[in-house]
């Protein structure tokens, strides 16, 4: 049987490289150019297990071992209830 999207049921996928945001225990790692298969109909993304294991290893190397990342960014954080217009 052909592979189908678990979300919408369509069977057409394209290979893409995307940005993946990995988070664990309140810490984040943004990884660019991650290979995946993406459903052409709904956009659901599927990642191979070795790809995800590599991202987890990078996260560990940076956040546990202390290896410096290639780049760092500062990201503002806002609580929805306190955002302007929600008071």
PDB file of N, CA and C in Angstrom:
ATOM      1  N   UNK A   1       0.835  -1.179   0.000  1.00  0.00           N
ATOM      2  CA  UNK A   1       0.000   0.000   0.000  1.00  0.00           C
ATOM      3  C   UNK A   1       0.881   1.243   0.000  1.00  0.00           C
ATOM      4  N   UNK A   2       0.479   2.245  -0.745  1.00  0.00           N
ATOM      5  CA  UNK A   2       1.221   3.499  -0.796  1.00  0.00           C
ATOM      6  C   UNK A   2       1.104   4.243   0.523  1.00  0.00           C
ATOM      7  N   UNK A   3       2.106   5.058   0.773  1.00  0.00           N
ATOM      8  CA  UNK A   3       2.107   5.888   1.982  1.00  0.00           C
ATOM      9  C   UNK A   3       1.049   6.980   1.846  1.00  0.00           C
ATOM     10  N   UNK A   4       0.316   7.219   2.935  1.00  0.00           N
ATOM     11  CA  UNK A   4      -0.687   8.284   2.946  1.00  0.00           C
ATOM     12  C   UNK A   4      -0.442   9.164   4.170  1.00  0.00           C
ATOM     13  N   UNK A   5      -0.886  10.396   4.079  1.00  0.00           N
ATOM     14  CA  UNK A   5      -0.762  11.344   5.178  1.00  0.00           C
ATOM     15  C   UNK A   5      -1.655  10.896   6.332  1.00  0.00           C
ATOM     16  N   UNK A   6      -1.088  10.824   7.518  1.00  0.00           N
ATOM     17  CA  UNK A   6      -1.864  10.436   8.698  1.00  0.00           C
ATOM     18  C   UNK A   6      -2.883  11.493   9.089  1.00  0.00           C
ATOM     19  N   UNK A   7      -2.682  12.725   8.644  1.00  0.00           N
ATOM     20  CA  UNK A   7      -3.565  13.821   9.022  1.00  0.00           C
ATOM     21  C   UNK A   7      -4.750  13.943   8.064  1.00  0.00           C
ATOM     22  N   UNK A   8      -4.489  13.957   6.741  1.00  0.00           N
ATOM     23  CA  UNK A   8      -5.573  14.208   5.780  1.00  0.00           C
ATOM     24  C   UNK A   8      -5.863  13.032   4.849  1.00  0.00           C
ATOM     25  N   UNK A   9      -4.978  12.027   4.807  1.00  0.00           N
ATOM     26  CA  UNK A   9      -5.221  10.853   3.988  1.00  0.00           C
ATOM     27  C   UNK A   9      -4.718  10.931   2.549  1.00  0.00           C
ATOM     28  N   UNK A  10      -4.152  12.058   2.149  1.00  0.00           N
ATOM     29  CA  UNK A  10      -3.652  12.169   0.779  1.00  0.00           C
ATOM     30  C   UNK A  10      -2.318  11.445   0.641  1.00  0.00           C
ATOM     31  N   UNK A  11      -1.967  11.074  -0.602  1.00  0.00           N
ATOM     32  CA  UNK A  11      -0.789  10.239  -0.838  1.00  0.00           C
ATOM     33  C   UNK A  11       0.317  10.938  -1.608  1.00  0.00           C
ATOM     34  N   UNK A  12       0.259  12.245  -1.734  1.00  0.00           N
ATOM     35  CA  UNK A  12       1.283  12.961  -2.496  1.00  0.00           C
ATOM     36  C   UNK A  12       2.160  13.766  -1.546  1.00  0.00           C
ATOM     37  N   UNK A  13       3.464  13.484  -1.614  1.00  0.00           N
ATOM     38  CA  UNK A  13       4.435  14.133  -0.738  1.00  0.00           C
ATOM     39  C   UNK A  13       5.528  14.773  -1.580  1.00  0.00           C
ATOM     40  N   UNK A  14       6.171  15.775  -0.999  1.00  0.00           N
ATOM     41  CA  UNK A  14       7.337  16.385  -1.638  1.00  0.00           C
ATOM     42  C   UNK A  14       8.460  16.410  -0.601  1.00  0.00           C
ATOM     43  N   UNK A  15       9.681  16.299  -1.086  1.00  0.00           N
ATOM     44  CA  UNK A  15      10.850  16.403  -0.216  1.00  0.00           C
ATOM     45  C   UNK A  15      11.175  17.874  -0.040  1.00  0.00           C
ATOM     46  N   UNK A  16      11.380  18.282   1.215  1.00  0.00           N
ATOM     47  CA  UNK A  16      11.681  19.681   1.521  1.00  0.00           C
ATOM     48  C   UNK A  16      12.751  19.743   2.585  1.00  0.00           C
ATOM     49  N   UNK A  17      13.312  20.915   2.734  1.00  0.00           N
ATOM     50  CA  UNK A  17      14.189  21.213   3.857  1.00  0.00           C
ATOM     51  C   UNK A  17      13.534  22.361   4.604  1.00  0.00           C
ATOM     52  N   UNK A  18      13.311  22.165   5.891  1.00  0.00           N
ATOM     53  CA  UNK A  18      12.531  23.105   6.678  1.00  0.00           C
ATOM     54  C   UNK A  18      13.264  23.474   7.970  1.00  0.00           C
ATOM     55  N   UNK A  19      12.710  24.436   8.666  1.00  0.00           N
ATOM     56  CA  UNK A  19      13.214  24.796   9.986  1.00  0.00           C
ATOM     57  C   UNK A  19      12.461  23.947  11.020  1.00  0.00           C
ATOM     58  N   UNK A  20      13.202  23.360  11.944  1.00  0.00           N
ATOM     59  CA  UNK A  20      12.625  22.495  12.973  1.00  0.00           C
ATOM     60  C   UNK A  20      12.945  23.101  14.323  1.00  0.00           C
ATOM     61  N   UNK A  21      11.952  23.235  15.182  1.00  0.00           N
ATOM     62  CA  UNK A  21      12.160  23.770  16.524  1.00  0.00           C
ATOM     63  C   UNK A  21      12.021  22.621  17.515  1.00  0.00           C
ATOM     64  N   UNK A  22      13.125  22.317  18.170  1.00  0.00           N
ATOM     65  CA  UNK A  22      13.156  21.240  19.163  1.00  0.00           C
ATOM     66  C   UNK A  22      13.135  21.882  20.543  1.00  0.00           C
ATOM     67  N   UNK A  23      12.267  21.385  21.419  1.00  0.00           N
ATOM     68  CA  UNK A  23      12.243  21.912  22.779  1.00  0.00           C
ATOM     69  C   UNK A  23      12.157  20.758  23.763  1.00  0.00           C
ATOM     70  N   UNK A  24      12.835  20.982  24.878  1.00  0.00           N
ATOM     71  CA  UNK A  24      12.848  19.979  25.938  1.00  0.00           C
ATOM     72  C   UNK A  24      13.205  20.694  27.235  1.00  0.00           C
ATOM     73  N   UNK A  25      12.423  20.457  28.265  1.00  0.00           N
ATOM     74  CA  UNK A  25      12.679  20.991  29.606  1.00  0.00           C
ATOM     75  C   UNK A  25      12.875  22.511  29.595  1.00  0.00           C
ATOM     76  N   UNK A  26      12.064  23.204  28.816  1.00  0.00           N
ATOM     77  CA  UNK A  26      12.112  24.658  28.784  1.00  0.00           C
ATOM     78  C   UNK A  26      13.260  25.242  27.988  1.00  0.00           C
ATOM     79  N   UNK A  27      13.986  24.409  27.277  1.00  0.00           N
ATOM     80  CA  UNK A  27      15.096  24.870  26.436  1.00  0.00           C
ATOM     81  C   UNK A  27      14.768  24.554  24.984  1.00  0.00           C
ATOM     82  N   UNK A  28      15.332  25.353  24.079  1.00  0.00           N
ATOM     83  CA  UNK A  28      14.999  25.248  22.661  1.00  0.00           C
ATOM     84  C   UNK A  28      16.249  25.123  21.801  1.00  0.00           C
ATOM     85  N   UNK A  29      16.060  24.510  20.639  1.00  0.00           N
ATOM     86  CA  UNK A  29      17.085  24.487  19.602  1.00  0.00           C
ATOM     87  C   UNK A  29      16.365  24.636  18.266  1.00  0.00           C
ATOM     88  N   UNK A  30      16.733  25.631  17.499  1.00  0.00           N
ATOM     89  CA  UNK A  30      16.188  25.832  16.159  1.00  0.00           C
ATOM     90  C   UNK A  30      17.202  25.277  15.175  1.00  0.00           C
ATOM     91  N   UNK A  31      16.769  24.370  14.322  1.00  0.00           N
ATOM     92  CA  UNK A  31      17.653  23.732  13.353  1.00  0.00           C
ATOM     93  C   UNK A  31      17.130  24.046  11.960  1.00  0.00           C
ATOM     94  N   UNK A  32      17.966  24.644  11.140  1.00  0.00           N
ATOM     95  CA  UNK A  32      17.590  24.991   9.770  1.00  0.00           C
ATOM     96  C   UNK A  32      17.978  23.893   8.789  1.00  0.00           C
ATOM     97  N   UNK A  33      17.311  23.866   7.665  1.00  0.00           N
ATOM     98  CA  UNK A  33      17.610  22.955   6.550  1.00  0.00           C
ATOM     99  C   UNK A  33      17.471  21.491   6.935  1.00  0.00           C
ATOM    100  N   UNK A  34      16.414  21.173   7.676  1.00  0.00           N
ATOM    101  CA  UNK A  34      16.161  19.792   8.107  1.00  0.00           C
ATOM    102  C   UNK A  34      15.350  19.085   7.019  1.00  0.00           C
ATOM    103  N   UNK A  35      15.832  17.939   6.531  1.00  0.00           N
ATOM    104  CA  UNK A  35      15.093  17.224   5.491  1.00  0.00           C
ATOM    105  C   UNK A  35      13.817  16.585   6.041  1.00  0.00           C
ATOM    106  N   UNK A  36      12.755  16.665   5.245  1.00  0.00           N
ATOM    107  CA  UNK A  36      11.500  16.025   5.624  1.00  0.00           C
ATOM    108  C   UNK A  36      10.701  15.720   4.371  1.00  0.00           C
ATOM    109  N   UNK A  37       9.640  14.952   4.563  1.00  0.00           N
ATOM    110  CA  UNK A  37       8.629  14.769   3.525  1.00  0.00           C
ATOM    111  C   UNK A  37       7.415  15.548   3.984  1.00  0.00           C
ATOM    112  N   UNK A  38       6.819  16.301   3.076  1.00  0.00           N
ATOM    113  CA  UNK A  38       5.685  17.152   3.413  1.00  0.00           C
ATOM    114  C   UNK A  38       4.502  16.798   2.520  1.00  0.00           C
ATOM    115  N   UNK A  39       3.337  16.639   3.136  1.00  0.00           N
ATOM    116  CA  UNK A  39       2.119  16.357   2.386  1.00  0.00           C
ATOM    117  C   UNK A  39       1.823  17.559   1.477  1.00  0.00           C
ATOM    118  N   UNK A  40       1.618  17.299   0.202  1.00  0.00           N
ATOM    119  CA  UNK A  40       1.338  18.379  -0.747  1.00  0.00           C
ATOM    120  C   UNK A  40      -0.036  18.981  -0.543  1.00  0.00           C
ATOM    121  N   UNK A  41      -0.920  18.276   0.141  1.00  0.00           N
ATOM    122  CA  UNK A  41      -2.282  18.773   0.332  1.00  0.00           C
ATOM    123  C   UNK A  41      -2.422  19.620   1.601  1.00  0.00           C
ATOM    124  N   UNK A  42      -1.986  19.069   2.744  1.00  0.00           N
ATOM    125  CA  UNK A  42      -2.215  19.776   4.014  1.00  0.00           C
ATOM    126  C   UNK A  42      -0.954  20.364   4.634  1.00  0.00           C
ATOM    127  N   UNK A  43       0.218  19.961   4.163  1.00  0.00           N
ATOM    128  CA  UNK A  43       1.465  20.509   4.696  1.00  0.00           C
ATOM    129  C   UNK A  43       2.039  19.776   5.897  1.00  0.00           C
ATOM    130  N   UNK A  44       1.387  18.689   6.333  1.00  0.00           N
ATOM    131  CA  UNK A  44       1.915  17.910   7.455  1.00  0.00           C
ATOM    132  C   UNK A  44       3.322  17.429   7.105  1.00  0.00           C
ATOM    133  N   UNK A  45       4.237  17.517   8.076  1.00  0.00           N
ATOM    134  CA  UNK A  45       5.633  17.173   7.832  1.00  0.00           C
ATOM    135  C   UNK A  45       6.004  15.881   8.546  1.00  0.00           C
ATOM    136  N   UNK A  46       6.812  15.060   7.869  1.00  0.00           N
ATOM    137  CA  UNK A  46       7.268  13.781   8.391  1.00  0.00           C
ATOM    138  C   UNK A  46       8.784  13.749   8.357  1.00  0.00           C
ATOM    139  N   UNK A  47       9.385  13.394   9.500  1.00  0.00           N
ATOM    140  CA  UNK A  47      10.834  13.377   9.648  1.00  0.00           C
ATOM    141  C   UNK A  47      11.299  11.955   9.909  1.00  0.00           C
ATOM    142  N   UNK A  48      12.390  11.557   9.268  1.00  0.00           N
ATOM    143  CA  UNK A  48      12.953  10.226   9.468  1.00  0.00           C
ATOM    144  C   UNK A  48      13.559  10.142  10.872  1.00  0.00           C
ATOM    145  N   UNK A  49      13.505   8.970  11.467  1.00  0.00           N
ATOM    146  CA  UNK A  49      14.022   8.770  12.817  1.00  0.00           C
ATOM    147  C   UNK A  49      15.495   9.170  12.947  1.00  0.00           C
ATOM    148  N   UNK A  50      16.381   8.826  11.992  1.00  0.00           N
ATOM    149  CA  UNK A  50      17.781   9.249  12.136  1.00  0.00           C
ATOM    150  C   UNK A  50      17.949  10.773  12.153  1.00  0.00           C
ATOM    151  N   UNK A  51      17.093  11.480  11.448  1.00  0.00           N
ATOM    152  CA  UNK A  51      17.140  12.948  11.429  1.00  0.00           C
ATOM    153  C   UNK A  51      16.790  13.480  12.816  1.00  0.00           C
ATOM    154  N   UNK A  52      15.736  12.951  13.416  1.00  0.00           N
ATOM    155  CA  UNK A  52      15.325  13.406  14.745  1.00  0.00           C
ATOM    156  C   UNK A  52      16.352  13.030  15.810  1.00  0.00           C
ATOM    157  N   UNK A  53      16.975  11.855  15.676  1.00  0.00           N
ATOM    158  CA  UNK A  53      18.019  11.471  16.626  1.00  0.00           C
ATOM    159  C   UNK A  53      19.216  12.421  16.539  1.00  0.00           C
ATOM    160  N   UNK A  54      19.564  12.851  15.325  1.00  0.00           N
ATOM    161  CA  UNK A  54      20.663  13.796  15.158  1.00  0.00           C
ATOM    162  C   UNK A  54      20.332  15.133  15.817  1.00  0.00           C
ATOM    163  N   UNK A  55      19.103  15.601  15.668  1.00  0.00           N
ATOM    164  CA  UNK A  55      18.687  16.858  16.301  1.00  0.00           C
ATOM    165  C   UNK A  55      18.751  16.724  17.819  1.00  0.00           C
ATOM    166  N   UNK A  56      18.294  15.603  18.359  1.00  0.00           N
ATOM    167  CA  UNK A  56      18.374  15.371  19.802  1.00  0.00           C
ATOM    168  C   UNK A  56      19.823  15.365  20.275  1.00  0.00           C
ATOM    169  N   UNK A  57      20.715  14.774  19.492  1.00  0.00           N
ATOM    170  CA  UNK A  57      22.134  14.738  19.858  1.00  0.00           C
ATOM    171  C   UNK A  57      22.726  16.149  19.850  1.00  0.00           C
ATOM    172  N   UNK A  58      22.338  16.958  18.883  1.00  0.00           N
ATOM    173  CA  UNK A  58      22.810  18.345  18.832  1.00  0.00           C
ATOM    174  C   UNK A  58      22.306  19.124  20.038  1.00  0.00           C
ATOM    175  N   UNK A  59      21.037  18.942  20.381  1.00  0.00           N
ATOM    176  CA  UNK A  59      20.460  19.589  21.560  1.00  0.00           C
ATOM    177  C   UNK A  59      21.266  19.224  22.806  1.00  0.00           C
ATOM    178  N   UNK A  60      21.547  17.939  22.976  1.00  0.00           N
ATOM    179  CA  UNK A  60      22.313  17.458  24.123  1.00  0.00           C
ATOM    180  C   UNK A  60      23.710  18.085  24.129  1.00  0.00           C
ATOM    181  N   UNK A  61      24.365  18.096  22.973  1.00  0.00           N
ATOM    182  CA  UNK A  61      25.721  18.656  22.888  1.00  0.00           C
ATOM    183  C   UNK A  61      25.736  20.127  23.286  1.00  0.00           C
ATOM    184  N   UNK A  62      24.719  20.863  22.913  1.00  0.00           N
ATOM    185  CA  UNK A  62      24.671  22.297  23.199  1.00  0.00           C
ATOM    186  C   UNK A  62      24.223  22.563  24.633  1.00  0.00           C
ATOM    187  N   UNK A  63      23.108  21.968  25.050  1.00  0.00           N
ATOM    188  CA  UNK A  63      22.513  22.309  26.341  1.00  0.00           C
ATOM    189  C   UNK A  63      23.067  21.511  27.519  1.00  0.00           C
ATOM    190  N   UNK A  64      23.641  20.344  27.287  1.00  0.00           N
ATOM    191  CA  UNK A  64      24.160  19.533  28.391  1.00  0.00           C
ATOM    192  C   UNK A  64      25.691  19.578  28.425  1.00  0.00           C
ATOM    193  N   UNK A  65      26.305  19.348  27.274  1.00  0.00           N
ATOM    194  CA  UNK A  65      27.763  19.298  27.211  1.00  0.00           C
ATOM    195  C   UNK A  65      28.370  20.705  27.179  1.00  0.00           C
ATOM    196  N   UNK A  66      27.655  21.651  26.563  1.00  0.00           N
ATOM    197  CA  UNK A  66      28.144  23.023  26.521  1.00  0.00           C
ATOM    198  C   UNK A  66      28.801  23.439  25.225  1.00  0.00           C
ATOM    199  N   UNK A  67      28.634  22.636  24.174  1.00  0.00           N
ATOM    200  CA  UNK A  67      29.190  23.028  22.877  1.00  0.00           C
ATOM    201  C   UNK A  67      28.483  24.289  22.400  1.00  0.00           C
ATOM    202  N   UNK A  68      29.236  25.287  21.942  1.00  0.00           N
ATOM    203  CA  UNK A  68      28.570  26.504  21.458  1.00  0.00           C
ATOM    204  C   UNK A  68      27.811  26.243  20.152  1.00  0.00           C
ATOM    205  N   UNK A  69      26.623  26.827  20.003  1.00  0.00           N
ATOM    206  CA  UNK A  69      25.873  26.661  18.754  1.00  0.00           C
ATOM    207  C   UNK A  69      26.478  27.511  17.644  1.00  0.00           C
ATOM    208  N   UNK A  70      26.077  27.234  16.420  1.00  0.00           N
ATOM    209  CA  UNK A  70      26.542  28.009  15.279  1.00  0.00           C
ATOM    210  C   UNK A  70      26.096  29.458  15.392  1.00  0.00           C
ATOM    211  N   UNK A  71      24.844  29.668  15.804  1.00  0.00           N
ATOM    212  CA  UNK A  71      24.270  30.997  15.980  1.00  0.00           C
ATOM    213  C   UNK A  71      23.378  30.994  17.221  1.00  0.00           C
ATOM    214  N   UNK A  72      23.160  32.173  17.769  1.00  0.00           N
ATOM    215  CA  UNK A  72      22.198  32.353  18.848  1.00  0.00           C
ATOM    216  C   UNK A  72      21.327  33.550  18.526  1.00  0.00           C
ATOM    217  N   UNK A  73      20.067  33.499  18.979  1.00  0.00           N
ATOM    218  CA  UNK A  73      19.161  34.621  18.796  1.00  0.00           C
ATOM    219  C   UNK A  73      18.465  34.904  20.120  1.00  0.00           C
ATOM    220  N   UNK A  74      17.948  36.105  20.255  1.00  0.00           N
ATOM    221  CA  UNK A  74      17.136  36.475  21.405  1.00  0.00           C
ATOM    222  C   UNK A  74      15.692  36.530  20.946  1.00  0.00           C
ATOM    223  N   UNK A  75      14.798  35.880  21.688  1.00  0.00           N
ATOM    224  CA  UNK A  75      13.399  35.808  21.293  1.00  0.00           C
ATOM    225  C   UNK A  75      12.527  36.402  22.399  1.00  0.00           C
ATOM    226  N   UNK A  76      11.736  37.434  22.082  1.00  0.00           N
ATOM    227  CA  UNK A  76      10.832  37.973  23.091  1.00  0.00           C
ATOM    228  C   UNK A  76       9.727  36.957  23.429  1.00  0.00           C
ATOM    229  N   UNK A  77       9.302  36.974  24.680  1.00  0.00           N
ATOM    230  CA  UNK A  77       8.240  36.070  25.138  1.00  0.00           C
ATOM    231  C   UNK A  77       7.164  36.918  25.793  1.00  0.00           C
ATOM    232  N   UNK A  78       5.909  36.637  25.468  1.00  0.00           N
ATOM    233  CA  UNK A  78       4.776  37.382  26.003  1.00  0.00           C
ATOM    234  C   UNK A  78       3.697  36.394  26.415  1.00  0.00           C
ATOM    235  N   UNK A  79       3.042  36.650  27.538  1.00  0.00           N
ATOM    236  CA  UNK A  79       1.897  35.852  27.954  1.00  0.00           C
ATOM    237  C   UNK A  79       0.672  36.377  27.218  1.00  0.00           C
ATOM    238  N   UNK A  80      -0.148  35.488  26.674  1.00  0.00           N
ATOM    239  CA  UNK A  80      -1.326  35.894  25.903  1.00  0.00           C
ATOM    240  C   UNK A  80      -2.244  36.793  26.714  1.00  0.00           C
ATOM    241  N   UNK A  81      -2.486  36.447  27.967  1.00  0.00           N
ATOM    242  CA  UNK A  81      -3.410  37.219  28.800  1.00  0.00           C
ATOM    243  C   UNK A  81      -2.913  38.641  29.051  1.00  0.00           C
ATOM    244  N   UNK A  82      -1.603  38.848  28.938  1.00  0.00           N
ATOM    245  CA  UNK A  82      -1.024  40.163  29.199  1.00  0.00           C
ATOM    246  C   UNK A  82      -0.682  40.923  27.928  1.00  0.00           C
ATOM    247  N   UNK A  83      -0.904  40.319  26.769  1.00  0.00           N
ATOM    248  CA  UNK A  83      -0.592  40.984  25.506  1.00  0.00           C
ATOM    249  C   UNK A  83      -1.531  42.173  25.306  1.00  0.00           C
ATOM    250  N   UNK A  84      -1.045  43.236  24.687  1.00  0.00           N
ATOM    251  CA  UNK A  84      -1.912  44.385  24.418  1.00  0.00           C
ATOM    252  C   UNK A  84      -3.199  43.945  23.686  1.00  0.00           C
ATOM    253  N   UNK A  85      -4.314  44.480  24.101  1.00  0.00           N
ATOM    254  CA  UNK A  85      -5.595  44.120  23.499  1.00  0.00           C
ATOM    255  C   UNK A  85      -6.302  42.993  24.210  1.00  0.00           C
ATOM    256  N   UNK A  86      -5.629  42.329  25.143  1.00  0.00           N
ATOM    257  CA  UNK A  86      -6.236  41.212  25.882  1.00  0.00           C
ATOM    258  C   UNK A  86      -6.442  41.544  27.344  1.00  0.00           C
ATOM    259  N   UNK A  87      -6.435  42.794  27.669  1.00  0.00           N
ATOM    260  CA  UNK A  87      -6.577  43.200  29.084  1.00  0.00           C
ATOM    261  C   UNK A  87      -7.968  43.581  29.401  1.00  0.00           C
TER     262      UNK A  87
END
